[in-house]
N, C-alpha and C. Protein backbone atom coordinates (compact mmCIF):
# COMPACT_ATOMS: atom_id res chain seq x y z
N MET A 1 -42.74 -7.76 10.73
CA MET A 1 -43.12 -7.60 9.37
C MET A 1 -43.13 -6.02 9.42
N ARG A 2 -42.63 -5.39 8.47
CA ARG A 2 -41.89 -3.56 7.91
C ARG A 2 -43.12 -3.65 6.77
N ARG A 3 -44.13 -2.70 6.38
CA ARG A 3 -44.33 -2.39 5.34
C ARG A 3 -43.24 -2.03 4.34
N ILE A 4 -43.30 -2.02 3.05
CA ILE A 4 -42.65 -1.81 1.73
C ILE A 4 -43.60 0.44 2.05
N GLY A 5 -42.89 0.82 1.26
CA GLY A 5 -43.18 1.83 0.68
C GLY A 5 -41.94 1.73 -0.59
N ARG A 6 -42.09 4.09 -0.35
CA ARG A 6 -41.19 4.41 -1.54
C ARG A 6 -39.92 4.04 -0.83
N LEU A 7 -39.15 3.33 -2.16
CA LEU A 7 -37.11 3.82 -1.96
C LEU A 7 -36.57 4.68 -1.31
N ALA A 8 -35.34 4.80 -0.88
CA ALA A 8 -35.26 6.43 -0.48
C ALA A 8 -34.42 6.54 -1.83
N ARG A 9 -33.87 7.37 -2.06
CA ARG A 9 -33.36 8.96 -3.31
C ARG A 9 -32.18 7.66 -3.52
N ALA A 10 -31.46 7.35 -2.52
CA ALA A 10 -30.90 6.74 -2.91
C ALA A 10 -30.67 5.35 -2.88
N ARG A 11 -31.91 5.18 -3.56
CA ARG A 11 -31.65 4.17 -4.80
C ARG A 11 -31.54 3.63 -5.92
N CYS A 12 -30.17 3.20 -5.83
CA CYS A 12 -29.69 3.44 -7.55
C CYS A 12 -30.51 2.45 -8.02
N PHE A 13 -30.56 2.56 -9.64
CA PHE A 13 -31.35 1.63 -10.33
C PHE A 13 -31.06 1.36 -11.83
N VAL A 14 -29.56 0.21 -11.98
CA VAL A 14 -28.58 -0.13 -13.00
C VAL A 14 -28.97 -0.81 -13.98
N LEU A 15 -29.90 -1.03 -14.18
CA LEU A 15 -30.66 -1.71 -15.55
C LEU A 15 -29.72 -1.47 -16.65
N VAL A 16 -30.16 -0.63 -17.32
CA VAL A 16 -29.32 0.13 -18.26
C VAL A 16 -27.96 -0.07 -18.23
N VAL A 17 -27.16 0.22 -17.52
CA VAL A 17 -25.73 0.09 -17.96
C VAL A 17 -25.82 -1.35 -17.44
N LEU A 18 -26.17 -1.78 -16.75
CA LEU A 18 -25.69 -3.53 -16.32
C LEU A 18 -26.19 -4.32 -17.84
N ALA A 19 -27.57 -4.25 -18.47
CA ALA A 19 -28.13 -4.27 -19.65
C ALA A 19 -27.04 -3.83 -20.91
N ALA A 20 -26.05 -2.69 -21.29
CA ALA A 20 -25.35 -2.85 -22.19
C ALA A 20 -23.91 -3.98 -21.59
N ALA A 21 -23.36 -3.28 -20.13
CA ALA A 21 -22.62 -4.67 -20.24
C ALA A 21 -22.13 -5.80 -20.08
N LEU A 22 -23.85 -6.87 -19.85
CA LEU A 22 -23.78 -7.71 -20.11
C LEU A 22 -24.23 -8.01 -21.96
N LEU A 23 -24.51 -7.81 -22.67
CA LEU A 23 -24.51 -7.37 -23.98
C LEU A 23 -23.18 -7.34 -24.28
N VAL A 24 -22.44 -6.52 -24.38
CA VAL A 24 -21.30 -6.07 -25.02
C VAL A 24 -20.72 -7.24 -24.14
N LEU A 25 -20.64 -8.17 -22.71
CA LEU A 25 -19.81 -9.22 -22.41
C LEU A 25 -20.61 -10.31 -23.22
N ALA A 26 -21.22 -10.62 -23.95
CA ALA A 26 -21.92 -12.01 -24.22
C ALA A 26 -21.16 -11.93 -25.35
N GLY A 27 -21.26 -10.90 -25.84
CA GLY A 27 -20.84 -10.91 -27.37
C GLY A 27 -19.62 -11.09 -27.44
N CYS A 28 -18.41 -10.58 -26.53
CA CYS A 28 -16.99 -10.66 -26.01
C CYS A 28 -17.36 -12.80 -25.47
N ARG A 29 -17.86 -13.71 -25.33
CA ARG A 29 -16.79 -14.56 -24.97
C ARG A 29 -17.42 -15.69 -26.26
N GLY A 30 -18.03 -15.11 -27.26
CA GLY A 30 -17.81 -16.06 -27.86
C GLY A 30 -18.96 -17.26 -28.38
N GLY A 31 -19.22 -18.31 -28.72
CA GLY A 31 -19.62 -18.94 -28.81
C GLY A 31 -21.57 -18.83 -29.21
N SER A 32 -22.62 -19.47 -28.65
CA SER A 32 -23.56 -18.69 -29.32
C SER A 32 -24.70 -18.11 -28.19
N ALA A 33 -25.25 -16.41 -28.96
CA ALA A 33 -26.06 -16.01 -28.56
C ALA A 33 -26.78 -16.75 -27.30
N PRO A 34 -26.83 -14.97 -26.68
CA PRO A 34 -28.21 -16.37 -25.37
C PRO A 34 -29.17 -16.43 -25.89
N ASP A 35 -29.97 -17.20 -25.31
CA ASP A 35 -31.45 -17.44 -25.81
C ASP A 35 -32.48 -16.63 -24.63
N ALA A 36 -33.34 -15.96 -25.75
CA ALA A 36 -34.14 -14.88 -24.67
C ALA A 36 -35.14 -16.07 -24.54
N GLU A 37 -35.69 -17.03 -24.55
CA GLU A 37 -36.89 -17.41 -24.42
C GLU A 37 -36.46 -18.23 -22.52
N ARG A 38 -35.10 -18.44 -23.13
CA ARG A 38 -35.02 -19.35 -21.26
C ARG A 38 -35.12 -18.36 -20.16
N ILE A 39 -35.21 -18.62 -19.05
CA ILE A 39 -35.71 -18.18 -18.23
C ILE A 39 -34.62 -18.88 -17.31
N PRO A 40 -33.68 -17.83 -16.66
CA PRO A 40 -32.18 -18.16 -15.89
C PRO A 40 -33.15 -19.09 -15.00
N ASP A 41 -31.82 -20.18 -14.46
CA ASP A 41 -31.65 -20.41 -13.62
C ASP A 41 -30.28 -20.63 -13.07
N GLY A 42 -29.42 -21.79 -12.16
CA GLY A 42 -28.73 -21.28 -10.71
C GLY A 42 -28.67 -20.54 -10.00
N GLU A 43 -28.41 -20.75 -9.19
CA GLU A 43 -28.16 -20.20 -8.21
C GLU A 43 -28.17 -18.43 -7.85
N PRO A 44 -28.96 -18.03 -7.65
CA PRO A 44 -28.94 -16.22 -7.97
C PRO A 44 -27.94 -15.52 -7.17
N ARG A 45 -27.03 -14.54 -7.76
CA ARG A 45 -25.74 -13.78 -7.31
C ARG A 45 -26.46 -12.50 -7.24
N PRO A 46 -25.44 -11.54 -6.16
CA PRO A 46 -25.88 -9.87 -6.81
C PRO A 46 -24.80 -10.05 -7.45
N LEU A 47 -25.47 -8.92 -8.73
CA LEU A 47 -24.66 -8.49 -9.64
C LEU A 47 -23.33 -7.72 -9.24
N GLN A 48 -22.79 -7.70 -10.31
CA GLN A 48 -21.28 -6.88 -10.06
C GLN A 48 -21.97 -5.65 -10.00
N GLY A 49 -21.23 -5.00 -9.18
CA GLY A 49 -21.83 -2.99 -8.18
C GLY A 49 -22.55 -3.52 -7.77
N MET A 50 -23.51 -4.08 -7.56
CA MET A 50 -24.15 -3.98 -6.30
C MET A 50 -23.40 -4.62 -5.26
N ALA A 51 -24.81 -4.14 -3.52
CA ALA A 51 -24.43 -3.78 -2.62
C ALA A 51 -23.82 -6.30 -2.30
N ILE A 52 -23.28 -6.28 -1.22
CA ILE A 52 -23.03 -7.41 -0.93
C ILE A 52 -24.01 -8.05 0.29
N ALA A 53 -24.82 -9.63 -0.28
CA ALA A 53 -25.45 -9.88 0.45
C ALA A 53 -25.26 -9.93 1.66
N THR A 54 -26.69 -9.84 2.85
CA THR A 54 -26.13 -10.47 4.02
C THR A 54 -27.12 -11.43 4.43
N GLY A 55 -27.73 -11.83 3.71
CA GLY A 55 -28.25 -13.11 3.82
C GLY A 55 -28.74 -13.77 2.45
N PRO A 56 -30.00 -14.88 2.31
CA PRO A 56 -29.52 -15.14 1.32
C PRO A 56 -30.23 -14.78 0.49
N VAL A 57 -29.88 -15.04 -1.14
CA VAL A 57 -30.93 -14.16 -2.34
C VAL A 57 -32.25 -15.34 -2.43
N VAL A 58 -33.07 -14.91 -2.41
CA VAL A 58 -34.44 -15.18 -2.70
C VAL A 58 -34.86 -15.70 -3.88
N VAL A 59 -35.22 -16.15 -4.73
CA VAL A 59 -35.94 -15.95 -6.03
C VAL A 59 -36.97 -15.44 -5.50
N LEU A 60 -38.13 -14.76 -6.21
CA LEU A 60 -39.47 -14.19 -5.61
C LEU A 60 -40.42 -14.84 -6.70
N GLY A 61 -39.63 -14.42 -8.05
CA GLY A 61 -40.89 -14.71 -9.72
C GLY A 61 -40.56 -15.66 -10.83
N ARG A 62 -40.53 -16.37 -11.03
CA ARG A 62 -40.07 -16.67 -12.47
C ARG A 62 -40.73 -16.52 -13.69
N GLY A 63 -40.72 -16.87 -15.27
CA GLY A 63 -41.34 -16.62 -16.21
C GLY A 63 -41.01 -16.39 -16.97
N GLN A 64 -42.25 -16.11 -18.45
CA GLN A 64 -41.57 -15.61 -19.66
C GLN A 64 -43.12 -14.95 -19.56
N SER A 65 -42.47 -13.68 -20.62
CA SER A 65 -42.86 -12.48 -21.35
C SER A 65 -42.84 -12.26 -22.42
N PHE A 66 -43.90 -12.10 -23.54
CA PHE A 66 -43.26 -11.47 -24.78
C PHE A 66 -42.10 -12.35 -25.36
N GLY A 67 -42.17 -13.92 -25.03
CA GLY A 67 -40.45 -14.53 -25.84
C GLY A 67 -39.72 -14.13 -24.73
N LEU A 68 -39.27 -13.22 -23.72
CA LEU A 68 -38.21 -13.38 -23.11
C LEU A 68 -38.72 -14.13 -21.73
N GLY A 69 -37.09 -15.00 -21.19
CA GLY A 69 -37.55 -15.34 -19.80
C GLY A 69 -36.74 -14.58 -19.04
N TRP A 70 -37.42 -14.80 -17.66
CA TRP A 70 -36.56 -13.74 -16.45
C TRP A 70 -36.94 -14.49 -15.66
N ARG A 71 -36.56 -13.73 -14.17
CA ARG A 71 -36.32 -14.56 -12.99
C ARG A 71 -35.95 -13.02 -11.58
N TYR A 72 -36.24 -12.76 -11.21
CA TYR A 72 -36.28 -11.93 -9.59
C TYR A 72 -36.22 -12.52 -8.82
N ALA A 73 -35.36 -11.88 -7.95
CA ALA A 73 -35.58 -12.30 -6.23
C ALA A 73 -34.79 -11.25 -5.99
N ALA A 74 -34.51 -11.03 -4.29
CA ALA A 74 -34.22 -10.16 -3.75
C ALA A 74 -33.30 -10.89 -2.67
N TYR A 75 -32.62 -9.39 -1.94
CA TYR A 75 -31.35 -9.92 -0.87
C TYR A 75 -31.40 -8.74 0.26
N PRO A 76 -31.13 -9.33 1.61
CA PRO A 76 -30.97 -8.25 2.23
C PRO A 76 -29.40 -8.18 1.60
N SER A 77 -28.84 -6.64 2.38
CA SER A 77 -27.67 -5.59 2.67
C SER A 77 -27.36 -4.18 3.51
N ALA A 78 -26.45 -4.38 3.87
CA ALA A 78 -26.45 -2.78 4.54
C ALA A 78 -26.74 -1.63 3.60
N ASP A 79 -27.08 -1.28 2.28
CA ASP A 79 -27.71 -0.96 1.81
C ASP A 79 -29.31 -1.09 1.81
N GLY A 80 -29.88 -1.18 2.07
CA GLY A 80 -31.31 -1.88 2.87
C GLY A 80 -31.60 -3.10 1.42
N THR A 81 -32.38 -3.60 1.46
CA THR A 81 -33.17 -4.61 0.38
C THR A 81 -32.76 -4.47 -0.93
N CYS A 82 -32.61 -5.56 -1.08
CA CYS A 82 -31.68 -5.50 -3.33
C CYS A 82 -32.81 -6.03 -3.89
N PHE A 83 -32.52 -5.95 -4.88
CA PHE A 83 -33.78 -6.64 -6.16
C PHE A 83 -32.73 -6.50 -7.94
N ILE A 84 -32.60 -8.12 -7.87
CA ILE A 84 -31.85 -8.80 -9.42
C ILE A 84 -32.92 -8.82 -10.24
N VAL A 85 -33.17 -7.84 -11.41
CA VAL A 85 -34.32 -8.64 -12.47
C VAL A 85 -32.61 -9.06 -13.80
N GLU A 86 -32.93 -11.12 -14.06
CA GLU A 86 -31.74 -11.26 -14.55
C GLU A 86 -33.41 -11.95 -16.24
N THR A 87 -32.56 -11.76 -17.17
CA THR A 87 -33.36 -12.54 -18.52
C THR A 87 -32.08 -13.14 -19.28
N GLY A 88 -32.85 -13.94 -20.01
CA GLY A 88 -32.49 -14.72 -20.58
C GLY A 88 -32.16 -14.38 -21.95
N SER A 89 -31.98 -13.15 -21.86
CA SER A 89 -31.56 -12.96 -23.31
C SER A 89 -30.13 -11.92 -22.40
N GLY A 90 -29.71 -12.04 -21.21
CA GLY A 90 -28.80 -11.43 -21.13
C GLY A 90 -28.45 -10.28 -20.27
N ILE A 91 -29.63 -9.54 -20.20
CA ILE A 91 -29.93 -7.95 -19.54
C ILE A 91 -30.72 -8.86 -18.37
N GLY A 92 -29.19 -7.35 -17.40
CA GLY A 92 -29.50 -7.99 -16.24
C GLY A 92 -30.14 -6.36 -15.10
N GLY A 93 -30.48 -6.07 -14.54
CA GLY A 93 -30.07 -5.03 -13.21
C GLY A 93 -30.70 -4.69 -12.07
N GLY A 94 -30.38 -4.32 -11.13
CA GLY A 94 -31.10 -4.17 -9.92
C GLY A 94 -31.07 -2.90 -9.22
N SER A 95 -31.47 -3.25 -7.91
CA SER A 95 -31.37 -2.01 -7.01
C SER A 95 -31.25 -1.91 -5.66
N CYS A 96 -31.00 -1.44 -4.87
CA CYS A 96 -31.47 -1.47 -3.50
C CYS A 96 -31.02 -0.31 -2.88
N GLY A 97 -32.48 -0.28 -1.74
CA GLY A 97 -32.53 0.92 -0.74
C GLY A 97 -33.12 -0.07 0.46
N SER A 98 -34.20 1.53 1.24
CA SER A 98 -34.60 0.79 2.18
C SER A 98 -35.88 1.08 1.93
N VAL A 99 -36.69 0.79 3.09
CA VAL A 99 -38.54 0.83 2.43
C VAL A 99 -39.39 1.35 3.18
N ILE A 100 -40.09 2.37 3.09
CA ILE A 100 -40.39 3.56 4.19
C ILE A 100 -41.91 3.88 3.00
N GLU A 101 -42.85 4.86 4.14
CA GLU A 101 -43.68 5.18 4.42
C GLU A 101 -44.58 4.25 3.63
N GLU A 102 -44.52 3.63 5.16
CA GLU A 102 -45.57 2.48 5.32
C GLU A 102 -47.63 3.00 4.72
N ASP A 103 -47.53 4.26 4.70
CA ASP A 103 -48.76 4.43 3.17
C ASP A 103 -49.37 5.29 2.33
N ALA A 104 -48.00 4.30 1.53
CA ALA A 104 -48.38 4.24 0.37
C ALA A 104 -48.67 3.09 -0.73
N ILE A 105 -49.06 3.53 -1.41
CA ILE A 105 -49.50 2.41 -2.52
C ILE A 105 -48.22 1.61 -3.15
N PHE A 106 -47.97 2.71 -4.06
CA PHE A 106 -45.54 2.65 -5.04
C PHE A 106 -45.18 2.52 -3.95
N GLY A 107 -43.63 2.08 -4.13
CA GLY A 107 -42.57 2.08 -3.95
C GLY A 107 -41.49 2.67 -5.07
N GLY A 108 -40.89 2.52 -4.45
CA GLY A 108 -40.39 2.73 -5.92
C GLY A 108 -40.97 2.18 -7.18
N VAL A 109 -40.70 2.79 -8.45
CA VAL A 109 -40.41 2.22 -9.65
C VAL A 109 -39.53 2.07 -10.50
N SER A 110 -38.87 1.57 -11.08
CA SER A 110 -37.97 1.48 -12.57
C SER A 110 -37.94 0.91 -13.33
N VAL A 111 -37.48 1.62 -14.55
CA VAL A 111 -38.58 1.14 -15.57
C VAL A 111 -36.58 1.63 -16.83
N GLY A 112 -36.01 -0.41 -17.47
CA GLY A 112 -35.03 -0.32 -17.75
C GLY A 112 -35.56 -0.62 -19.33
N THR A 113 -34.15 -0.42 -20.27
CA THR A 113 -34.49 -0.73 -21.72
C THR A 113 -33.02 -0.51 -22.08
N GLY A 114 -32.84 -1.14 -23.30
CA GLY A 114 -31.80 -1.70 -23.75
C GLY A 114 -32.34 -1.17 -26.07
N THR A 115 -31.23 -0.78 -26.16
CA THR A 115 -31.94 -1.03 -27.72
C THR A 115 -31.94 -1.94 -28.71
N ASP A 116 -33.80 -1.65 -28.67
CA ASP A 116 -34.22 -2.81 -29.49
C ASP A 116 -34.79 -3.78 -28.24
N GLN A 117 -34.51 -3.59 -27.46
CA GLN A 117 -34.78 -4.57 -26.35
C GLN A 117 -36.01 -4.73 -25.33
N PRO A 118 -36.73 -4.88 -24.92
CA PRO A 118 -38.33 -5.20 -24.71
C PRO A 118 -37.94 -4.45 -23.26
N GLN A 119 -38.79 -3.10 -22.20
CA GLN A 119 -38.77 -2.53 -21.57
C GLN A 119 -39.15 -3.30 -20.47
N VAL A 120 -38.21 -3.12 -19.08
CA VAL A 120 -38.31 -4.40 -18.47
C VAL A 120 -38.54 -3.11 -17.33
N ILE A 121 -40.21 -3.20 -16.86
CA ILE A 121 -40.40 -2.00 -15.13
C ILE A 121 -40.75 -2.84 -14.01
N GLU A 122 -40.35 -2.51 -13.20
CA GLU A 122 -40.37 -3.09 -12.29
C GLU A 122 -40.07 -1.91 -10.80
N GLY A 123 -41.00 -3.05 -9.69
CA GLY A 123 -40.60 -1.84 -8.76
C GLY A 123 -41.34 -2.84 -7.38
N LEU A 124 -42.27 -1.92 -6.75
CA LEU A 124 -42.74 -2.67 -5.48
C LEU A 124 -44.28 -1.80 -4.88
N VAL A 125 -45.28 -2.72 -4.00
CA VAL A 125 -46.71 -2.03 -4.61
C VAL A 125 -47.05 -2.63 -3.01
N SER A 126 -48.07 -2.00 -2.30
CA SER A 126 -49.08 -2.31 -0.97
C SER A 126 -49.33 -3.94 -1.05
N PRO A 127 -50.09 -4.19 -0.08
CA PRO A 127 -50.55 -5.42 -0.30
C PRO A 127 -51.83 -5.72 -0.61
N ASP A 128 -52.47 -4.15 -0.41
CA ASP A 128 -53.85 -3.69 -1.06
C ASP A 128 -54.12 -4.37 -2.38
N VAL A 129 -52.81 -3.48 -3.10
CA VAL A 129 -52.86 -4.24 -4.27
C VAL A 129 -53.40 -5.36 -5.27
N ALA A 130 -54.04 -5.61 -5.74
CA ALA A 130 -54.58 -7.32 -6.13
C ALA A 130 -54.26 -7.21 -7.80
N ALA A 131 -54.04 -6.40 -8.45
CA ALA A 131 -53.48 -6.13 -9.85
C ALA A 131 -52.84 -4.93 -9.96
N LEU A 132 -51.92 -4.87 -11.13
CA LEU A 132 -50.87 -3.90 -12.05
C LEU A 132 -50.70 -4.14 -12.92
N TRP A 133 -51.11 -2.88 -13.72
CA TRP A 133 -51.56 -2.72 -15.28
C TRP A 133 -50.20 -2.21 -15.64
N ILE A 134 -49.60 -1.94 -16.35
CA ILE A 134 -48.78 -1.05 -17.24
C ILE A 134 -49.14 -0.68 -19.24
N THR A 135 -50.00 0.82 -18.82
CA THR A 135 -51.03 1.64 -19.92
C THR A 135 -49.88 1.78 -20.72
N THR A 136 -50.15 1.78 -22.18
CA THR A 136 -49.82 2.63 -22.91
C THR A 136 -50.00 3.49 -23.34
N VAL A 137 -49.35 4.37 -24.42
CA VAL A 137 -50.17 5.10 -25.38
C VAL A 137 -50.94 4.42 -27.00
N GLY A 138 -49.86 3.90 -27.03
CA GLY A 138 -51.47 2.09 -28.06
C GLY A 138 -52.45 1.80 -28.03
N GLY A 139 -52.93 1.84 -26.75
CA GLY A 139 -53.65 1.80 -25.72
C GLY A 139 -53.41 -0.36 -25.78
N GLN A 140 -52.17 -0.65 -25.92
CA GLN A 140 -51.94 -2.18 -25.74
C GLN A 140 -51.19 -2.65 -24.06
N ASP A 141 -52.27 -2.97 -22.93
CA ASP A 141 -51.89 -2.76 -21.35
C ASP A 141 -51.49 -4.28 -21.08
N VAL A 142 -51.00 -4.35 -20.83
CA VAL A 142 -49.20 -5.64 -19.93
C VAL A 142 -49.69 -5.35 -18.84
N GLU A 143 -49.98 -6.60 -17.94
CA GLU A 143 -49.99 -6.66 -16.46
C GLU A 143 -48.43 -7.44 -16.68
N ALA A 144 -48.84 -6.82 -15.47
CA ALA A 144 -47.56 -6.90 -14.04
C ALA A 144 -47.95 -8.25 -13.80
N ARG A 145 -46.63 -8.96 -13.48
CA ARG A 145 -46.50 -10.23 -11.90
C ARG A 145 -46.55 -10.07 -10.84
N LEU A 146 -47.13 -9.92 -10.09
CA LEU A 146 -47.23 -9.03 -8.57
C LEU A 146 -46.19 -10.71 -7.92
N MET A 147 -45.39 -10.29 -6.90
CA MET A 147 -45.18 -11.54 -5.98
C MET A 147 -44.61 -11.24 -4.70
N SER A 148 -45.11 -12.08 -3.91
CA SER A 148 -44.94 -11.89 -2.49
C SER A 148 -43.53 -11.25 -1.69
N LEU A 149 -43.55 -10.44 -0.76
CA LEU A 149 -42.19 -10.02 -0.15
C LEU A 149 -42.07 -10.30 0.98
N ALA A 150 -43.00 -11.55 1.42
CA ALA A 150 -42.75 -12.36 2.50
C ALA A 150 -41.45 -13.24 3.12
N PRO A 151 -41.40 -13.90 1.72
CA PRO A 151 -39.95 -14.72 1.82
C PRO A 151 -38.95 -13.54 2.61
N MET A 152 -39.17 -12.21 2.59
CA MET A 152 -38.21 -11.91 2.70
C MET A 152 -38.07 -11.20 4.00
N GLY A 153 -39.39 -11.25 4.76
CA GLY A 153 -40.05 -10.89 5.58
C GLY A 153 -40.27 -9.40 6.08
N LEU A 154 -40.99 -9.36 4.71
CA LEU A 154 -41.90 -7.23 4.84
C LEU A 154 -42.93 -7.94 3.88
N GLU A 155 -44.27 -7.35 3.90
CA GLU A 155 -45.16 -6.57 4.01
C GLU A 155 -44.71 -6.12 2.47
N GLY A 156 -45.78 -6.74 1.41
CA GLY A 156 -45.92 -6.06 0.23
C GLY A 156 -46.21 -6.48 -0.42
N GLN A 157 -45.63 -6.22 -2.02
CA GLN A 157 -45.31 -7.63 -3.22
C GLN A 157 -44.20 -6.38 -3.95
N ALA A 158 -43.60 -7.03 -5.23
CA ALA A 158 -42.49 -6.70 -5.59
C ALA A 158 -43.45 -6.98 -7.10
N PHE A 159 -43.17 -6.09 -8.63
CA PHE A 159 -43.68 -5.85 -9.44
C PHE A 159 -43.15 -6.29 -10.64
N LEU A 160 -43.05 -7.16 -11.17
CA LEU A 160 -42.09 -7.29 -13.00
C LEU A 160 -43.36 -7.05 -14.01
N ALA A 161 -43.34 -6.04 -15.15
CA ALA A 161 -43.87 -6.14 -16.47
C ALA A 161 -42.66 -5.56 -17.71
N ILE A 162 -43.16 -6.83 -18.72
CA ILE A 162 -42.10 -7.12 -19.53
C ILE A 162 -43.23 -6.22 -20.89
N VAL A 163 -42.48 -5.21 -21.26
CA VAL A 163 -43.43 -4.61 -22.69
C VAL A 163 -42.15 -4.84 -23.44
N PRO A 164 -42.97 -4.65 -25.04
CA PRO A 164 -41.90 -4.58 -26.15
C PRO A 164 -41.98 -3.97 -26.09
N ALA A 165 -40.17 -3.83 -27.10
CA ALA A 165 -39.08 -2.92 -27.20
C ALA A 165 -40.47 -1.67 -28.57
N GLY A 166 -40.61 -0.22 -28.51
CA GLY A 166 -40.85 0.51 -29.14
C GLY A 166 -42.16 0.83 -28.88
N MET A 167 -42.54 -0.07 -27.79
CA MET A 167 -43.88 0.82 -26.90
C MET A 167 -44.08 1.64 -26.30
N GLU A 168 -44.99 2.44 -26.33
CA GLU A 168 -44.59 3.89 -25.46
C GLU A 168 -44.86 4.16 -24.02
N LEU A 169 -44.96 4.12 -22.87
CA LEU A 169 -45.44 3.85 -21.96
C LEU A 169 -45.56 5.05 -21.61
N ARG A 170 -47.04 4.42 -20.54
CA ARG A 170 -47.57 5.84 -20.24
C ARG A 170 -47.94 5.84 -18.54
N ALA A 171 -48.32 4.54 -18.05
CA ALA A 171 -48.14 4.30 -16.34
C ALA A 171 -48.34 3.26 -15.94
N ALA A 172 -48.02 3.04 -14.41
CA ALA A 172 -48.59 1.51 -14.03
C ALA A 172 -49.44 2.44 -12.86
N VAL A 173 -50.82 1.36 -12.99
CA VAL A 173 -51.98 0.84 -12.15
C VAL A 173 -52.35 0.65 -11.97
N ALA A 174 -52.50 0.28 -10.53
CA ALA A 174 -52.32 -0.32 -9.11
C ALA A 174 -54.14 -0.46 -9.34
N LEU A 175 -54.43 -1.78 -8.96
CA LEU A 175 -56.16 -1.57 -8.21
C LEU A 175 -56.19 -2.78 -6.72
N ASP A 176 -57.39 -2.79 -6.45
CA ASP A 176 -58.13 -3.49 -5.62
C ASP A 176 -58.93 -4.93 -6.03
N ALA A 177 -59.22 -5.25 -5.16
CA ALA A 177 -59.48 -7.17 -5.60
C ALA A 177 -60.79 -7.05 -5.80
N GLU A 178 -61.47 -5.62 -6.25
CA GLU A 178 -62.94 -5.45 -6.78
C GLU A 178 -62.28 -4.85 -8.24
N GLY A 179 -61.32 -4.51 -8.20
CA GLY A 179 -60.85 -4.25 -9.59
C GLY A 179 -60.91 -2.25 -9.71
N GLY A 180 -61.08 -1.60 -8.33
CA GLY A 180 -61.55 0.02 -8.34
C GLY A 180 -59.42 0.48 -9.00
N GLU A 181 -59.68 1.61 -9.18
CA GLU A 181 -57.87 2.21 -9.36
C GLU A 181 -57.91 2.00 -7.42
N LEU A 182 -56.45 1.77 -7.43
CA LEU A 182 -56.14 2.82 -6.11
C LEU A 182 -55.33 3.50 -6.12
N ALA A 183 -54.03 3.53 -7.09
CA ALA A 183 -53.55 4.95 -7.39
C ALA A 183 -53.22 4.68 -9.12
N THR A 184 -51.79 5.24 -9.54
CA THR A 184 -51.24 5.34 -10.58
C THR A 184 -49.81 6.09 -10.99
N ASN A 185 -49.41 5.60 -11.11
CA ASN A 185 -47.74 6.46 -11.06
C ASN A 185 -47.30 6.45 -12.43
N ASP A 186 -47.55 7.52 -12.56
CA ASP A 186 -46.85 8.19 -13.93
C ASP A 186 -45.51 7.28 -14.22
N LEU A 187 -44.99 6.93 -15.79
CA LEU A 187 -43.81 6.40 -16.29
C LEU A 187 -43.29 7.35 -17.24
């Protein structure tokens, strides 16, 4: 198994751009508005503009946070491992890159927001991380969901946290099994 680390500089996070495009497309389709609480289902696929999958798209996790349903998936590509975030509100985004630096606690960390939309924080952490918290300036901390990368043949974990709109982010804090701080990543 390869150990995750920081994503290469070439990693391109397109959550904000895709969120705006999806919201525009949702408005153009007519019919009812997206159900933000619905957890996305169906066959996961690379989002428009993302690298072509060279293997299966694997769902790593799904859930609901602050009334927003979400699904997190990954797939291999010529550009490295790609990650996809989809939400019930129609917001989606993704990133691709190579996994490097075996001794790192954090890999790439991305924050995506839309106008008056919850903030989606996602990234990679080492297998040593037992819990991850997103801290805010107002003091309301949000626990991130950790998801094993073993189905992708990688060591480590992906994480995803949803923070309500309007909260000012401070940092992502990785903790070990005893609750000790392993590393902090300023947001």
